[in-house]
Amino acid sequence: MRKRGTIRKRVMVFGVFDGLHAGHRAFLRAAKKRGDELVAVVARDAAVRLLKKKKPRFDEKARVRALRASRLADRVILGDKKQGIYRVIARYAPDTICLGYDQQALAEDMRTHREFSRIPLIRLKPHQPMKFKTSLLS
């Protein structure tokens, strides 16, 4: 998507996006303001079960479709099948990664990967977290 001769800033976000709600929308809009192109990485069903100890309400394909239909991201992709390898980061080479206020474990894990140390991790502020948190809405 980067055209020859132009410099575009690519921002990447990660999330489950299970039942796209106002908190997700605010997160994606805030991330998009950090660059020209927003790549949203949707967590695989197996990763959701492993990390959240529960099955997502919507399967990964439905979550990708919903996010694409929202047009809040320029590109929507599924995350890596294996946790912690971050091939999506290597493939899409973001200039910035924006994380949600509740993604501390992800931030810590990403910081252990030296090859991505040049990429700034920006923690975005929550949008009414006591109202728009997926676990509260399920």
N, C-alpha and C. Protein backbone atom coordinates (compact mmCIF):
# COMPACT_ATOMS: atom_id res chain seq x y z
N MET A 1 0.82 -1.18 0.00
CA MET A 1 0.00 0.00 0.00
C MET A 1 0.86 1.26 0.00
N ARG A 2 2.11 1.13 0.35
CA ARG A 2 3.00 2.29 0.32
C ARG A 2 3.42 2.54 -1.12
N LYS A 3 3.12 3.72 -1.62
CA LYS A 3 3.43 4.06 -3.00
C LYS A 3 4.86 4.57 -3.09
N ARG A 4 5.46 4.30 -4.21
CA ARG A 4 6.83 4.75 -4.46
C ARG A 4 6.88 6.27 -4.40
N GLY A 5 7.84 6.80 -3.65
CA GLY A 5 8.00 8.23 -3.57
C GLY A 5 7.17 8.90 -2.48
N THR A 6 6.28 8.17 -1.85
CA THR A 6 5.49 8.76 -0.77
C THR A 6 5.81 8.04 0.52
N ILE A 7 5.76 8.78 1.59
CA ILE A 7 5.98 8.18 2.90
C ILE A 7 4.65 8.16 3.62
N ARG A 8 4.19 6.96 3.91
CA ARG A 8 2.94 6.79 4.63
C ARG A 8 3.26 6.12 5.96
N LYS A 9 2.62 6.56 6.98
CA LYS A 9 2.85 5.99 8.29
C LYS A 9 1.80 4.91 8.55
N ARG A 10 2.28 3.69 8.79
CA ARG A 10 1.40 2.55 9.03
C ARG A 10 1.29 2.29 10.54
N VAL A 11 0.08 2.21 11.01
CA VAL A 11 -0.21 1.94 12.41
C VAL A 11 -0.87 0.56 12.49
N MET A 12 -0.49 -0.21 13.50
CA MET A 12 -1.07 -1.55 13.69
C MET A 12 -1.71 -1.63 15.08
N VAL A 13 -2.84 -2.31 15.13
CA VAL A 13 -3.51 -2.58 16.40
C VAL A 13 -3.83 -4.07 16.47
N PHE A 14 -3.98 -4.56 17.68
CA PHE A 14 -4.33 -5.95 17.93
C PHE A 14 -5.57 -5.99 18.80
N GLY A 15 -6.43 -6.97 18.57
CA GLY A 15 -7.60 -7.10 19.43
C GLY A 15 -8.43 -8.31 19.07
N VAL A 16 -9.36 -8.62 19.96
CA VAL A 16 -10.32 -9.69 19.71
C VAL A 16 -11.47 -9.13 18.88
N PHE A 17 -11.93 -7.94 19.23
CA PHE A 17 -13.02 -7.27 18.53
C PHE A 17 -14.27 -8.16 18.48
N ASP A 18 -14.62 -8.69 19.62
CA ASP A 18 -15.76 -9.61 19.75
C ASP A 18 -17.02 -8.81 20.04
N GLY A 19 -17.81 -8.58 19.03
CA GLY A 19 -18.98 -7.73 19.18
C GLY A 19 -18.53 -6.28 19.15
N LEU A 20 -18.28 -5.76 17.97
CA LEU A 20 -17.72 -4.43 17.78
C LEU A 20 -18.60 -3.39 18.48
N HIS A 21 -18.04 -2.71 19.49
CA HIS A 21 -18.82 -1.75 20.28
C HIS A 21 -18.15 -0.38 20.27
N ALA A 22 -18.76 0.57 20.94
CA ALA A 22 -18.27 1.95 20.96
C ALA A 22 -16.83 2.06 21.46
N GLY A 23 -16.43 1.23 22.41
CA GLY A 23 -15.06 1.24 22.91
C GLY A 23 -14.08 0.83 21.81
N HIS A 24 -14.42 -0.20 21.05
CA HIS A 24 -13.58 -0.61 19.92
C HIS A 24 -13.50 0.50 18.89
N ARG A 25 -14.64 1.10 18.58
CA ARG A 25 -14.68 2.16 17.56
C ARG A 25 -13.79 3.34 17.97
N ALA A 26 -13.88 3.73 19.23
CA ALA A 26 -13.05 4.84 19.73
C ALA A 26 -11.57 4.47 19.67
N PHE A 27 -11.24 3.24 20.04
CA PHE A 27 -9.86 2.75 19.99
C PHE A 27 -9.32 2.81 18.57
N LEU A 28 -10.10 2.32 17.61
CA LEU A 28 -9.66 2.30 16.21
C LEU A 28 -9.53 3.71 15.64
N ARG A 29 -10.45 4.59 15.99
CA ARG A 29 -10.35 5.98 15.51
C ARG A 29 -9.11 6.68 16.09
N ALA A 30 -8.86 6.44 17.37
CA ALA A 30 -7.68 7.05 18.01
C ALA A 30 -6.39 6.53 17.38
N ALA A 31 -6.34 5.24 17.09
CA ALA A 31 -5.16 4.65 16.45
C ALA A 31 -4.97 5.22 15.05
N LYS A 32 -6.05 5.35 14.31
CA LYS A 32 -5.98 5.85 12.94
C LYS A 32 -5.41 7.27 12.90
N LYS A 33 -5.65 8.05 13.94
CA LYS A 33 -5.12 9.42 13.99
C LYS A 33 -3.60 9.44 14.10
N ARG A 34 -2.99 8.31 14.45
CA ARG A 34 -1.54 8.22 14.62
C ARG A 34 -0.79 7.97 13.33
N GLY A 35 -1.54 7.78 12.22
CA GLY A 35 -0.87 7.50 10.96
C GLY A 35 -1.81 7.64 9.78
N ASP A 36 -1.34 7.13 8.65
CA ASP A 36 -2.10 7.21 7.40
C ASP A 36 -2.87 5.94 7.08
N GLU A 37 -2.33 4.82 7.53
CA GLU A 37 -2.93 3.52 7.23
C GLU A 37 -3.04 2.72 8.53
N LEU A 38 -4.22 2.18 8.77
CA LEU A 38 -4.45 1.38 9.98
C LEU A 38 -4.64 -0.08 9.61
N VAL A 39 -3.80 -0.93 10.20
CA VAL A 39 -3.90 -2.38 10.03
C VAL A 39 -4.39 -2.95 11.35
N ALA A 40 -5.57 -3.60 11.32
CA ALA A 40 -6.14 -4.21 12.52
C ALA A 40 -5.92 -5.71 12.46
N VAL A 41 -5.29 -6.24 13.51
CA VAL A 41 -5.01 -7.68 13.60
C VAL A 41 -6.03 -8.29 14.56
N VAL A 42 -6.83 -9.20 14.03
CA VAL A 42 -7.89 -9.84 14.81
C VAL A 42 -7.36 -11.16 15.38
N ALA A 43 -7.54 -11.34 16.67
CA ALA A 43 -7.05 -12.54 17.35
C ALA A 43 -7.76 -13.80 16.85
N ARG A 44 -7.00 -14.83 16.70
CA ARG A 44 -7.54 -16.14 16.32
C ARG A 44 -8.40 -16.69 17.46
N ASP A 45 -9.36 -17.54 17.12
CA ASP A 45 -10.21 -18.15 18.13
C ASP A 45 -9.40 -18.91 19.17
N ALA A 46 -8.39 -19.65 18.72
CA ALA A 46 -7.55 -20.41 19.66
C ALA A 46 -6.81 -19.49 20.62
N ALA A 47 -6.37 -18.34 20.14
CA ALA A 47 -5.67 -17.39 21.00
C ALA A 47 -6.63 -16.81 22.05
N VAL A 48 -7.85 -16.54 21.65
CA VAL A 48 -8.85 -16.01 22.60
C VAL A 48 -9.10 -17.04 23.71
N ARG A 49 -9.27 -18.30 23.31
CA ARG A 49 -9.50 -19.34 24.32
C ARG A 49 -8.30 -19.48 25.25
N LEU A 50 -7.10 -19.39 24.72
CA LEU A 50 -5.88 -19.52 25.52
C LEU A 50 -5.71 -18.34 26.46
N LEU A 51 -5.86 -17.13 25.96
CA LEU A 51 -5.58 -15.93 26.75
C LEU A 51 -6.72 -15.51 27.66
N LYS A 52 -7.94 -15.66 27.20
CA LYS A 52 -9.09 -15.19 27.99
C LYS A 52 -9.82 -16.32 28.69
N LYS A 53 -9.39 -17.53 28.42
CA LYS A 53 -9.97 -18.72 29.06
C LYS A 53 -11.47 -18.86 28.76
N LYS A 54 -11.86 -18.38 27.58
CA LYS A 54 -13.25 -18.56 27.15
C LYS A 54 -13.31 -18.45 25.63
N LYS A 55 -14.38 -18.98 25.11
CA LYS A 55 -14.63 -18.95 23.67
C LYS A 55 -15.22 -17.59 23.29
N PRO A 56 -14.78 -17.01 22.17
CA PRO A 56 -15.39 -15.73 21.76
C PRO A 56 -16.85 -15.95 21.35
N ARG A 57 -17.66 -14.91 21.49
CA ARG A 57 -19.07 -15.01 21.07
C ARG A 57 -19.16 -15.21 19.56
N PHE A 58 -18.30 -14.53 18.81
CA PHE A 58 -18.29 -14.62 17.36
C PHE A 58 -16.98 -15.25 16.92
N ASP A 59 -17.04 -16.13 15.91
CA ASP A 59 -15.80 -16.76 15.47
C ASP A 59 -14.92 -15.75 14.73
N GLU A 60 -13.67 -16.14 14.49
CA GLU A 60 -12.69 -15.21 13.93
C GLU A 60 -13.10 -14.65 12.56
N LYS A 61 -13.72 -15.47 11.74
CA LYS A 61 -14.14 -14.99 10.42
C LYS A 61 -15.24 -13.94 10.54
N ALA A 62 -16.18 -14.15 11.45
CA ALA A 62 -17.26 -13.18 11.66
C ALA A 62 -16.71 -11.87 12.23
N ARG A 63 -15.72 -11.97 13.12
CA ARG A 63 -15.12 -10.77 13.69
C ARG A 63 -14.35 -9.98 12.63
N VAL A 64 -13.66 -10.68 11.73
CA VAL A 64 -12.97 -10.01 10.62
C VAL A 64 -13.99 -9.33 9.71
N ARG A 65 -15.06 -10.04 9.36
CA ARG A 65 -16.09 -9.46 8.48
C ARG A 65 -16.70 -8.20 9.10
N ALA A 66 -17.01 -8.26 10.38
CA ALA A 66 -17.63 -7.10 11.06
C ALA A 66 -16.68 -5.91 11.06
N LEU A 67 -15.42 -6.17 11.33
CA LEU A 67 -14.45 -5.07 11.36
C LEU A 67 -14.23 -4.48 9.96
N ARG A 68 -14.17 -5.34 8.96
CA ARG A 68 -14.04 -4.84 7.58
C ARG A 68 -15.27 -4.01 7.20
N ALA A 69 -16.44 -4.49 7.55
CA ALA A 69 -17.68 -3.78 7.22
C ALA A 69 -17.75 -2.41 7.90
N SER A 70 -17.12 -2.28 9.05
CA SER A 70 -17.13 -1.00 9.77
C SER A 70 -16.32 0.08 9.07
N ARG A 71 -15.36 -0.34 8.25
CA ARG A 71 -14.46 0.55 7.52
C ARG A 71 -13.62 1.44 8.45
N LEU A 72 -13.42 0.98 9.67
CA LEU A 72 -12.61 1.73 10.64
C LEU A 72 -11.12 1.47 10.47
N ALA A 73 -10.79 0.40 9.77
CA ALA A 73 -9.39 0.06 9.51
C ALA A 73 -9.21 -0.06 8.00
N ASP A 74 -8.02 0.27 7.54
CA ASP A 74 -7.73 0.17 6.11
C ASP A 74 -7.49 -1.28 5.68
N ARG A 75 -6.98 -2.06 6.63
CA ARG A 75 -6.72 -3.47 6.36
C ARG A 75 -7.04 -4.24 7.62
N VAL A 76 -7.74 -5.36 7.47
CA VAL A 76 -8.10 -6.22 8.60
C VAL A 76 -7.57 -7.61 8.29
N ILE A 77 -6.75 -8.13 9.21
CA ILE A 77 -6.13 -9.43 8.98
C ILE A 77 -6.27 -10.28 10.23
N LEU A 78 -6.15 -11.58 10.04
CA LEU A 78 -6.12 -12.50 11.19
C LEU A 78 -4.72 -12.54 11.75
N GLY A 79 -4.63 -12.70 13.05
CA GLY A 79 -3.33 -12.83 13.71
C GLY A 79 -2.66 -14.14 13.39
N ASP A 80 -1.45 -14.27 13.87
CA ASP A 80 -0.68 -15.50 13.66
C ASP A 80 -1.36 -16.68 14.32
N LYS A 81 -1.21 -17.85 13.73
CA LYS A 81 -1.78 -19.06 14.32
C LYS A 81 -1.07 -19.43 15.61
N LYS A 82 0.23 -19.17 15.67
CA LYS A 82 1.01 -19.47 16.86
C LYS A 82 1.22 -18.18 17.65
N GLN A 83 0.95 -18.22 18.93
CA GLN A 83 1.09 -17.05 19.80
C GLN A 83 2.54 -16.64 19.96
N GLY A 84 2.77 -15.34 19.96
CA GLY A 84 4.07 -14.80 20.31
C GLY A 84 5.13 -14.77 19.23
N ILE A 85 4.78 -15.13 17.98
CA ILE A 85 5.81 -15.10 16.93
C ILE A 85 5.76 -13.80 16.12
N TYR A 86 4.64 -13.14 16.11
CA TYR A 86 4.48 -11.80 15.50
C TYR A 86 4.93 -11.72 14.05
N ARG A 87 4.59 -12.73 13.28
CA ARG A 87 4.89 -12.66 11.84
C ARG A 87 4.14 -11.51 11.18
N VAL A 88 2.96 -11.18 11.71
CA VAL A 88 2.19 -10.08 11.13
C VAL A 88 2.95 -8.76 11.24
N ILE A 89 3.72 -8.60 12.31
CA ILE A 89 4.51 -7.37 12.45
C ILE A 89 5.62 -7.36 11.41
N ALA A 90 6.31 -8.46 11.25
CA ALA A 90 7.38 -8.54 10.25
C ALA A 90 6.82 -8.33 8.84
N ARG A 91 5.66 -8.90 8.57
CA ARG A 91 5.08 -8.82 7.23
C ARG A 91 4.58 -7.41 6.88
N TYR A 92 3.91 -6.75 7.81
CA TYR A 92 3.28 -5.46 7.52
C TYR A 92 4.13 -4.26 7.95
N ALA A 93 5.20 -4.50 8.67
CA ALA A 93 6.18 -3.46 9.04
C ALA A 93 5.54 -2.15 9.50
N PRO A 94 4.79 -2.19 10.59
CA PRO A 94 4.18 -0.94 11.06
C PRO A 94 5.23 0.05 11.58
N ASP A 95 4.89 1.32 11.48
CA ASP A 95 5.75 2.36 12.03
C ASP A 95 5.44 2.57 13.51
N THR A 96 4.21 2.25 13.89
CA THR A 96 3.74 2.41 15.26
C THR A 96 2.77 1.29 15.57
N ILE A 97 2.78 0.83 16.81
CA ILE A 97 1.76 -0.12 17.27
C ILE A 97 1.01 0.55 18.40
N CYS A 98 -0.31 0.61 18.26
CA CYS A 98 -1.16 1.18 19.31
C CYS A 98 -1.82 0.04 20.06
N LEU A 99 -1.78 0.13 21.37
CA LEU A 99 -2.38 -0.89 22.23
C LEU A 99 -3.48 -0.27 23.07
N GLY A 100 -4.44 -1.09 23.41
CA GLY A 100 -5.51 -0.65 24.30
C GLY A 100 -5.01 -0.55 25.73
N TYR A 101 -5.76 0.17 26.54
CA TYR A 101 -5.39 0.38 27.94
C TYR A 101 -5.27 -0.92 28.71
N ASP A 102 -5.95 -1.98 28.26
CA ASP A 102 -5.96 -3.25 28.99
C ASP A 102 -5.06 -4.32 28.35
N GLN A 103 -4.15 -3.92 27.49
CA GLN A 103 -3.29 -4.88 26.81
C GLN A 103 -1.87 -4.90 27.38
N GLN A 104 -1.76 -4.90 28.70
CA GLN A 104 -0.45 -4.89 29.36
C GLN A 104 0.38 -6.13 29.03
N ALA A 105 -0.25 -7.30 29.06
CA ALA A 105 0.49 -8.54 28.80
C ALA A 105 1.04 -8.55 27.38
N LEU A 106 0.26 -8.06 26.44
CA LEU A 106 0.73 -7.99 25.05
C LEU A 106 1.92 -7.04 24.93
N ALA A 107 1.83 -5.90 25.58
CA ALA A 107 2.93 -4.93 25.55
C ALA A 107 4.20 -5.54 26.13
N GLU A 108 4.09 -6.22 27.25
CA GLU A 108 5.26 -6.85 27.88
C GLU A 108 5.87 -7.91 26.98
N ASP A 109 5.02 -8.72 26.34
CA ASP A 109 5.51 -9.76 25.46
C ASP A 109 6.20 -9.17 24.24
N MET A 110 5.62 -8.13 23.66
CA MET A 110 6.23 -7.50 22.48
C MET A 110 7.59 -6.89 22.81
N ARG A 111 7.73 -6.37 24.00
CA ARG A 111 9.01 -5.75 24.38
C ARG A 111 10.14 -6.76 24.51
N THR A 112 9.82 -8.04 24.62
CA THR A 112 10.86 -9.07 24.71
C THR A 112 11.46 -9.40 23.35
N HIS A 113 10.85 -8.91 22.28
CA HIS A 113 11.32 -9.20 20.92
C HIS A 113 12.20 -8.05 20.44
N ARG A 114 13.48 -8.26 20.47
CA ARG A 114 14.44 -7.22 20.09
C ARG A 114 14.23 -6.70 18.68
N GLU A 115 13.82 -7.59 17.78
CA GLU A 115 13.70 -7.18 16.38
C GLU A 115 12.61 -6.12 16.15
N PHE A 116 11.73 -5.96 17.14
CA PHE A 116 10.68 -4.96 17.01
C PHE A 116 10.89 -3.77 17.95
N SER A 117 12.07 -3.69 18.56
CA SER A 117 12.30 -2.65 19.56
C SER A 117 12.27 -1.24 18.98
N ARG A 118 12.48 -1.11 17.68
CA ARG A 118 12.45 0.21 17.04
C ARG A 118 11.02 0.73 16.86
N ILE A 119 10.03 -0.13 16.98
CA ILE A 119 8.64 0.27 16.75
C ILE A 119 8.05 0.80 18.05
N PRO A 120 7.63 2.06 18.05
CA PRO A 120 7.01 2.60 19.27
C PRO A 120 5.70 1.89 19.61
N LEU A 121 5.54 1.59 20.90
CA LEU A 121 4.27 1.04 21.40
C LEU A 121 3.56 2.18 22.12
N ILE A 122 2.39 2.51 21.65
CA ILE A 122 1.64 3.61 22.25
C ILE A 122 0.38 3.05 22.90
N ARG A 123 0.23 3.30 24.18
CA ARG A 123 -0.96 2.86 24.91
C ARG A 123 -2.02 3.95 24.78
N LEU A 124 -3.16 3.60 24.21
CA LEU A 124 -4.24 4.56 24.02
C LEU A 124 -5.15 4.59 25.24
N LYS A 125 -5.78 5.73 25.44
CA LYS A 125 -6.66 5.90 26.59
C LYS A 125 -7.98 5.15 26.37
N PRO A 126 -8.58 4.68 27.44
CA PRO A 126 -9.86 3.96 27.31
C PRO A 126 -11.02 4.92 27.00
N HIS A 127 -12.03 4.36 26.38
CA HIS A 127 -13.27 5.09 26.11
C HIS A 127 -14.35 4.48 27.00
N GLN A 128 -14.65 5.12 28.09
CA GLN A 128 -15.68 4.67 29.03
C GLN A 128 -15.54 3.16 29.33
N PRO A 129 -14.40 2.77 29.94
CA PRO A 129 -14.12 1.35 30.14
C PRO A 129 -15.11 0.62 31.05
N MET A 130 -15.78 1.34 31.90
CA MET A 130 -16.75 0.67 32.78
C MET A 130 -18.08 0.43 32.05
N LYS A 131 -18.19 0.97 30.85
CA LYS A 131 -19.41 0.81 30.07
C LYS A 131 -19.16 -0.01 28.81
N PHE A 132 -18.04 0.25 28.13
CA PHE A 132 -17.76 -0.39 26.85
C PHE A 132 -16.56 -1.32 26.91
N LYS A 133 -16.64 -2.34 27.71
CA LYS A 133 -15.63 -3.39 27.76
C LYS A 133 -16.37 -4.67 27.37
N THR A 134 -15.81 -5.39 26.43
CA THR A 134 -16.50 -6.57 25.90
C THR A 134 -16.95 -7.52 26.98
N SER A 135 -16.12 -7.73 28.01
CA SER A 135 -16.50 -8.66 29.07
C SER A 135 -17.74 -8.18 29.84
N LEU A 136 -17.96 -6.88 29.86
CA LEU A 136 -19.15 -6.34 30.53
C LEU A 136 -20.38 -6.42 29.65
N LEU A 137 -20.15 -6.44 28.33
CA LEU A 137 -21.26 -6.46 27.39
C LEU A 137 -21.71 -7.86 27.02
N SER A 138 -20.92 -8.89 27.35
CA SER A 138 -21.27 -10.26 26.95
C SER A 138 -22.28 -10.88 27.89
